[in-house]
Amino acid sequence: MYFGKKNSEEPVVIMEDTVVYACASEACNGWMRKEFAADNETCPMCGDNLTEEIRELPKIQNEYNAFR
């Protein structure tokens, strides 16, 4: 019986500095990438203000951006 070969190579994850909006509330840990954020700059989970931060996150390919 043949179950298939497992990939011997791990996928390469490219990390990059990314601008994100993080919730200013201490009780909320919500954040989102800048390219996916809405224009109103309020947290979608708690409604508090968002602050701009830079985090090291995996690079993603956003070929279709419905918000812009």
PDB file of N, CA and C in Angstrom:
ATOM      1  N   MET A   1       0.846  -1.176   0.000  1.00  0.00           N
ATOM      2  CA  MET A   1       0.000   0.000   0.000  1.00  0.00           C
ATOM      3  C   MET A   1       0.894   1.243   0.000  1.00  0.00           C
ATOM      4  N   TYR A   2       0.543   2.243  -0.802  1.00  0.00           N
ATOM      5  CA  TYR A   2       1.356   3.446  -0.959  1.00  0.00           C
ATOM      6  C   TYR A   2       0.625   4.636  -0.348  1.00  0.00           C
ATOM      7  N   PHE A   3       1.257   5.306   0.601  1.00  0.00           N
ATOM      8  CA  PHE A   3       0.631   6.442   1.276  1.00  0.00           C
ATOM      9  C   PHE A   3       1.180   7.792   0.836  1.00  0.00           C
ATOM     10  N   GLY A   4       2.074   7.812  -0.081  1.00  0.00           N
ATOM     11  CA  GLY A   4       2.627   9.075  -0.571  1.00  0.00           C
ATOM     12  C   GLY A   4       3.883   9.472   0.178  1.00  0.00           C
ATOM     13  N   LYS A   5       4.669  10.236  -0.471  1.00  0.00           N
ATOM     14  CA  LYS A   5       5.899  10.715   0.144  1.00  0.00           C
ATOM     15  C   LYS A   5       5.628  11.997   0.904  1.00  0.00           C
ATOM     16  N   LYS A   6       6.315  12.150   1.996  1.00  0.00           N
ATOM     17  CA  LYS A   6       6.239  13.414   2.728  1.00  0.00           C
ATOM     18  C   LYS A   6       7.294  14.353   2.165  1.00  0.00           C
ATOM     19  N   ASN A   7       6.969  15.628   2.153  1.00  0.00           N
ATOM     20  CA  ASN A   7       7.942  16.612   1.675  1.00  0.00           C
ATOM     21  C   ASN A   7       9.115  16.656   2.631  1.00  0.00           C
ATOM     22  N   SER A   8      10.293  16.497   2.109  1.00  0.00           N
ATOM     23  CA  SER A   8      11.479  16.556   2.950  1.00  0.00           C
ATOM     24  C   SER A   8      11.912  17.993   3.197  1.00  0.00           C
ATOM     25  N   GLU A   9      11.441  18.917   2.378  1.00  0.00           N
ATOM     26  CA  GLU A   9      11.809  20.321   2.535  1.00  0.00           C
ATOM     27  C   GLU A   9      10.675  21.084   3.207  1.00  0.00           C
ATOM     28  N   GLU A  10      11.014  21.882   4.179  1.00  0.00           N
ATOM     29  CA  GLU A  10      10.042  22.746   4.828  1.00  0.00           C
ATOM     30  C   GLU A  10       9.804  23.970   3.943  1.00  0.00           C
ATOM     31  N   PRO A  11       8.581  24.492   3.900  1.00  0.00           N
ATOM     32  CA  PRO A  11       8.357  25.711   3.117  1.00  0.00           C
ATOM     33  C   PRO A  11       9.132  26.880   3.721  1.00  0.00           C
ATOM     34  N   VAL A  12       9.646  27.731   2.867  1.00  0.00           N
ATOM     35  CA  VAL A  12      10.434  28.875   3.313  1.00  0.00           C
ATOM     36  C   VAL A  12       9.484  29.983   3.738  1.00  0.00           C
ATOM     37  N   VAL A  13       9.631  30.439   4.974  1.00  0.00           N
ATOM     38  CA  VAL A  13       8.808  31.526   5.485  1.00  0.00           C
ATOM     39  C   VAL A  13       9.671  32.778   5.528  1.00  0.00           C
ATOM     40  N   ILE A  14       9.275  33.780   4.775  1.00  0.00           N
ATOM     41  CA  ILE A  14      10.021  35.034   4.723  1.00  0.00           C
ATOM     42  C   ILE A  14       9.379  36.002   5.713  1.00  0.00           C
ATOM     43  N   MET A  15      10.161  36.434   6.685  1.00  0.00           N
ATOM     44  CA  MET A  15       9.673  37.387   7.686  1.00  0.00           C
ATOM     45  C   MET A  15      10.055  38.796   7.241  1.00  0.00           C
ATOM     46  N   GLU A  16       9.150  39.753   7.472  1.00  0.00           N
ATOM     47  CA  GLU A  16       9.419  41.135   7.113  1.00  0.00           C
ATOM     48  C   GLU A  16       8.758  42.071   8.120  1.00  0.00           C
ATOM     49  N   ASP A  17       9.317  43.269   8.258  1.00  0.00           N
ATOM     50  CA  ASP A  17       8.699  44.277   9.108  1.00  0.00           C
ATOM     51  C   ASP A  17       7.420  44.758   8.426  1.00  0.00           C
ATOM     52  N   THR A  18       6.310  44.706   9.173  1.00  0.00           N
ATOM     53  CA  THR A  18       4.996  45.010   8.625  1.00  0.00           C
ATOM     54  C   THR A  18       4.313  46.050   9.497  1.00  0.00           C
ATOM     55  N   VAL A  19       3.696  47.040   8.879  1.00  0.00           N
ATOM     56  CA  VAL A  19       2.935  48.049   9.617  1.00  0.00           C
ATOM     57  C   VAL A  19       1.584  47.451   9.973  1.00  0.00           C
ATOM     58  N   VAL A  20       1.250  47.500  11.262  1.00  0.00           N
ATOM     59  CA  VAL A  20      -0.030  46.985  11.740  1.00  0.00           C
ATOM     60  C   VAL A  20      -0.707  48.050  12.587  1.00  0.00           C
ATOM     61  N   TYR A  21      -2.027  47.923  12.726  1.00  0.00           N
ATOM     62  CA  TYR A  21      -2.789  48.736  13.656  1.00  0.00           C
ATOM     63  C   TYR A  21      -3.168  47.836  14.821  1.00  0.00           C
ATOM     64  N   ALA A  22      -2.765  48.226  16.037  1.00  0.00           N
ATOM     65  CA  ALA A  22      -3.051  47.459  17.242  1.00  0.00           C
ATOM     66  C   ALA A  22      -4.008  48.250  18.115  1.00  0.00           C
ATOM     67  N   CYS A  23      -4.866  47.530  18.834  1.00  0.00           N
ATOM     68  CA  CYS A  23      -5.843  48.166  19.717  1.00  0.00           C
ATOM     69  C   CYS A  23      -5.120  48.824  20.887  1.00  0.00           C
ATOM     70  N   ALA A  24      -5.557  50.017  21.255  1.00  0.00           N
ATOM     71  CA  ALA A  24      -4.933  50.763  22.353  1.00  0.00           C
ATOM     72  C   ALA A  24      -5.424  50.297  23.711  1.00  0.00           C
ATOM     73  N   SER A  25      -6.487  49.537  23.767  1.00  0.00           N
ATOM     74  CA  SER A  25      -7.042  49.067  25.022  1.00  0.00           C
ATOM     75  C   SER A  25      -6.177  47.957  25.616  1.00  0.00           C
ATOM     76  N   GLU A  26      -5.964  48.002  26.935  1.00  0.00           N
ATOM     77  CA  GLU A  26      -5.191  46.966  27.614  1.00  0.00           C
ATOM     78  C   GLU A  26      -5.951  45.640  27.655  1.00  0.00           C
ATOM     79  N   ALA A  27      -7.272  45.691  27.666  1.00  0.00           N
ATOM     80  CA  ALA A  27      -8.086  44.483  27.775  1.00  0.00           C
ATOM     81  C   ALA A  27      -8.243  43.761  26.434  1.00  0.00           C
ATOM     82  N   CYS A  28      -7.940  44.411  25.333  1.00  0.00           N
ATOM     83  CA  CYS A  28      -8.137  43.841  23.997  1.00  0.00           C
ATOM     84  C   CYS A  28      -6.775  43.575  23.365  1.00  0.00           C
ATOM     85  N   ASN A  29      -6.631  42.450  22.689  1.00  0.00           N
ATOM     86  CA  ASN A  29      -5.371  42.158  22.000  1.00  0.00           C
ATOM     87  C   ASN A  29      -5.549  42.140  20.482  1.00  0.00           C
ATOM     88  N   GLY A  30      -6.537  42.870  19.972  1.00  0.00           N
ATOM     89  CA  GLY A  30      -6.815  42.914  18.539  1.00  0.00           C
ATOM     90  C   GLY A  30      -5.776  43.708  17.768  1.00  0.00           C
ATOM     91  N   TRP A  31      -5.466  43.241  16.564  1.00  0.00           N
ATOM     92  CA  TRP A  31      -4.585  43.958  15.655  1.00  0.00           C
ATOM     93  C   TRP A  31      -4.867  43.476  14.236  1.00  0.00           C
ATOM     94  N   MET A  32      -4.460  44.276  13.248  1.00  0.00           N
ATOM     95  CA  MET A  32      -4.622  43.896  11.843  1.00  0.00           C
ATOM     96  C   MET A  32      -3.549  44.577  11.007  1.00  0.00           C
ATOM     97  N   ARG A  33      -3.223  43.956   9.905  1.00  0.00           N
ATOM     98  CA  ARG A  33      -2.253  44.553   8.988  1.00  0.00           C
ATOM     99  C   ARG A  33      -2.848  45.822   8.391  1.00  0.00           C
ATOM    100  N   LYS A  34      -1.987  46.781   8.075  1.00  0.00           N
ATOM    101  CA  LYS A  34      -2.442  48.073   7.571  1.00  0.00           C
ATOM    102  C   LYS A  34      -3.219  47.918   6.269  1.00  0.00           C
ATOM    103  N   GLU A  35      -2.791  47.012   5.385  1.00  0.00           N
ATOM    104  CA  GLU A  35      -3.474  46.880   4.095  1.00  0.00           C
ATOM    105  C   GLU A  35      -4.860  46.250   4.219  1.00  0.00           C
ATOM    106  N   PHE A  36      -5.196  45.651   5.370  1.00  0.00           N
ATOM    107  CA  PHE A  36      -6.518  45.081   5.577  1.00  0.00           C
ATOM    108  C   PHE A  36      -7.384  45.907   6.522  1.00  0.00           C
ATOM    109  N   ALA A  37      -6.873  47.023   7.002  1.00  0.00           N
ATOM    110  CA  ALA A  37      -7.596  47.852   7.963  1.00  0.00           C
ATOM    111  C   ALA A  37      -8.624  48.739   7.264  1.00  0.00           C
ATOM    112  N   ALA A  38      -9.712  49.003   7.956  1.00  0.00           N
ATOM    113  CA  ALA A  38     -10.732  49.921   7.454  1.00  0.00           C
ATOM    114  C   ALA A  38     -10.271  51.359   7.691  1.00  0.00           C
ATOM    115  N   ASP A  39     -10.937  52.312   7.084  1.00  0.00           N
ATOM    116  CA  ASP A  39     -10.528  53.707   7.186  1.00  0.00           C
ATOM    117  C   ASP A  39     -10.910  54.364   8.511  1.00  0.00           C
ATOM    118  N   ASN A  40     -11.828  53.790   9.281  1.00  0.00           N
ATOM    119  CA  ASN A  40     -12.313  54.459  10.485  1.00  0.00           C
ATOM    120  C   ASN A  40     -11.356  54.340  11.675  1.00  0.00           C
ATOM    121  N   GLU A  41     -10.337  53.493  11.604  1.00  0.00           N
ATOM    122  CA  GLU A  41      -9.316  53.321  12.633  1.00  0.00           C
ATOM    123  C   GLU A  41      -9.886  53.071  14.028  1.00  0.00           C
ATOM    124  N   THR A  42     -10.893  52.230  14.117  1.00  0.00           N
ATOM    125  CA  THR A  42     -11.385  51.755  15.412  1.00  0.00           C
ATOM    126  C   THR A  42     -11.296  50.241  15.418  1.00  0.00           C
ATOM    127  N   CYS A  43     -11.076  49.687  16.585  1.00  0.00           N
ATOM    128  CA  CYS A  43     -10.933  48.243  16.735  1.00  0.00           C
ATOM    129  C   CYS A  43     -12.263  47.560  16.423  1.00  0.00           C
ATOM    130  N   PRO A  44     -12.276  46.576  15.533  1.00  0.00           N
ATOM    131  CA  PRO A  44     -13.529  45.895  15.207  1.00  0.00           C
ATOM    132  C   PRO A  44     -14.041  45.010  16.342  1.00  0.00           C
ATOM    133  N   MET A  45     -13.182  44.685  17.317  1.00  0.00           N
ATOM    134  CA  MET A  45     -13.601  43.811  18.409  1.00  0.00           C
ATOM    135  C   MET A  45     -14.157  44.576  19.600  1.00  0.00           C
ATOM    136  N   CYS A  46     -13.539  45.736  19.932  1.00  0.00           N
ATOM    137  CA  CYS A  46     -13.997  46.452  21.128  1.00  0.00           C
ATOM    138  C   CYS A  46     -14.402  47.899  20.843  1.00  0.00           C
ATOM    139  N   GLY A  47     -14.056  48.452  19.700  1.00  0.00           N
ATOM    140  CA  GLY A  47     -14.437  49.808  19.341  1.00  0.00           C
ATOM    141  C   GLY A  47     -13.486  50.888  19.819  1.00  0.00           C
ATOM    142  N   ASP A  48     -12.385  50.517  20.467  1.00  0.00           N
ATOM    143  CA  ASP A  48     -11.410  51.488  20.952  1.00  0.00           C
ATOM    144  C   ASP A  48     -10.523  51.945  19.783  1.00  0.00           C
ATOM    145  N   ASN A  49      -9.681  52.950  20.019  1.00  0.00           N
ATOM    146  CA  ASN A  49      -8.789  53.481  18.985  1.00  0.00           C
ATOM    147  C   ASN A  49      -7.679  52.495  18.667  1.00  0.00           C
ATOM    148  N   LEU A  50      -7.150  52.604  17.449  1.00  0.00           N
ATOM    149  CA  LEU A  50      -6.027  51.787  17.012  1.00  0.00           C
ATOM    150  C   LEU A  50      -4.773  52.647  16.936  1.00  0.00           C
ATOM    151  N   THR A  51      -3.628  52.058  17.267  1.00  0.00           N
ATOM    152  CA  THR A  51      -2.349  52.746  17.149  1.00  0.00           C
ATOM    153  C   THR A  51      -1.490  51.994  16.142  1.00  0.00           C
ATOM    154  N   GLU A  52      -0.651  52.731  15.428  1.00  0.00           N
ATOM    155  CA  GLU A  52       0.191  52.141  14.400  1.00  0.00           C
ATOM    156  C   GLU A  52       1.456  51.576  15.033  1.00  0.00           C
ATOM    157  N   GLU A  53       1.801  50.342  14.676  1.00  0.00           N
ATOM    158  CA  GLU A  53       2.998  49.672  15.175  1.00  0.00           C
ATOM    159  C   GLU A  53       3.687  48.957  14.020  1.00  0.00           C
ATOM    160  N   ILE A  54       4.916  48.531  14.258  1.00  0.00           N
ATOM    161  CA  ILE A  54       5.640  47.717  13.293  1.00  0.00           C
ATOM    162  C   ILE A  54       5.948  46.391  13.971  1.00  0.00           C
ATOM    163  N   ARG A  55       5.565  45.283  13.306  1.00  0.00           N
ATOM    164  CA  ARG A  55       5.801  43.940  13.819  1.00  0.00           C
ATOM    165  C   ARG A  55       6.470  43.114  12.736  1.00  0.00           C
ATOM    166  N   GLU A  56       7.255  42.131  13.162  1.00  0.00           N
ATOM    167  CA  GLU A  56       7.882  41.220  12.212  1.00  0.00           C
ATOM    168  C   GLU A  56       6.930  40.049  11.996  1.00  0.00           C
ATOM    169  N   LEU A  57       6.354  39.992  10.789  1.00  0.00           N
ATOM    170  CA  LEU A  57       5.342  38.991  10.450  1.00  0.00           C
ATOM    171  C   LEU A  57       5.725  38.269   9.169  1.00  0.00           C
ATOM    172  N   PRO A  58       5.164  37.083   8.944  1.00  0.00           N
ATOM    173  CA  PRO A  58       5.416  36.394   7.676  1.00  0.00           C
ATOM    174  C   PRO A  58       4.857  37.193   6.502  1.00  0.00           C
ATOM    175  N   LYS A  59       5.602  37.199   5.416  1.00  0.00           N
ATOM    176  CA  LYS A  59       5.170  37.904   4.215  1.00  0.00           C
ATOM    177  C   LYS A  59       3.996  37.159   3.594  1.00  0.00           C
ATOM    178  N   ILE A  60       2.981  37.898   3.160  1.00  0.00           N
ATOM    179  CA  ILE A  60       1.845  37.287   2.475  1.00  0.00           C
ATOM    180  C   ILE A  60       1.696  37.919   1.107  1.00  0.00           C
ATOM    181  N   GLN A  61       1.106  37.175   0.197  1.00  0.00           N
ATOM    182  CA  GLN A  61       0.843  37.675  -1.146  1.00  0.00           C
ATOM    183  C   GLN A  61      -0.609  38.087  -1.204  1.00  0.00           C
ATOM    184  N   ASN A  62      -0.876  39.368  -1.310  1.00  0.00           N
ATOM    185  CA  ASN A  62      -2.229  39.882  -1.383  1.00  0.00           C
ATOM    186  C   ASN A  62      -2.494  40.312  -2.821  1.00  0.00           C
ATOM    187  N   GLU A  63      -2.938  39.374  -3.636  1.00  0.00           N
ATOM    188  CA  GLU A  63      -3.167  39.676  -5.045  1.00  0.00           C
ATOM    189  C   GLU A  63      -4.465  40.440  -5.262  1.00  0.00           C
ATOM    190  N   TYR A  64      -5.441  40.236  -4.390  1.00  0.00           N
ATOM    191  CA  TYR A  64      -6.721  40.903  -4.518  1.00  0.00           C
ATOM    192  C   TYR A  64      -7.015  41.628  -3.222  1.00  0.00           C
ATOM    193  N   ASN A  65      -7.098  42.938  -3.271  1.00  0.00           N
ATOM    194  CA  ASN A  65      -7.351  43.719  -2.078  1.00  0.00           C
ATOM    195  C   ASN A  65      -8.714  44.400  -2.254  1.00  0.00           C
ATOM    196  N   ALA A  66      -9.726  43.847  -1.645  1.00  0.00           N
ATOM    197  CA  ALA A  66     -11.098  44.344  -1.817  1.00  0.00           C
ATOM    198  C   ALA A  66     -11.349  45.640  -1.085  1.00  0.00           C
ATOM    199  N   PHE A  67     -10.454  46.025  -0.182  1.00  0.00           N
ATOM    200  CA  PHE A  67     -10.705  47.220   0.635  1.00  0.00           C
ATOM    201  C   PHE A  67     -10.145  48.484  -0.002  1.00  0.00           C
ATOM    202  N   ARG A  68      -9.413  48.421  -1.059  1.00  0.00           N
ATOM    203  CA  ARG A  68      -8.810  49.614  -1.667  1.00  0.00           C
ATOM    204  C   ARG A  68      -9.423  49.916  -2.991  1.00  0.00           C
TER     205      ARG A  68
END
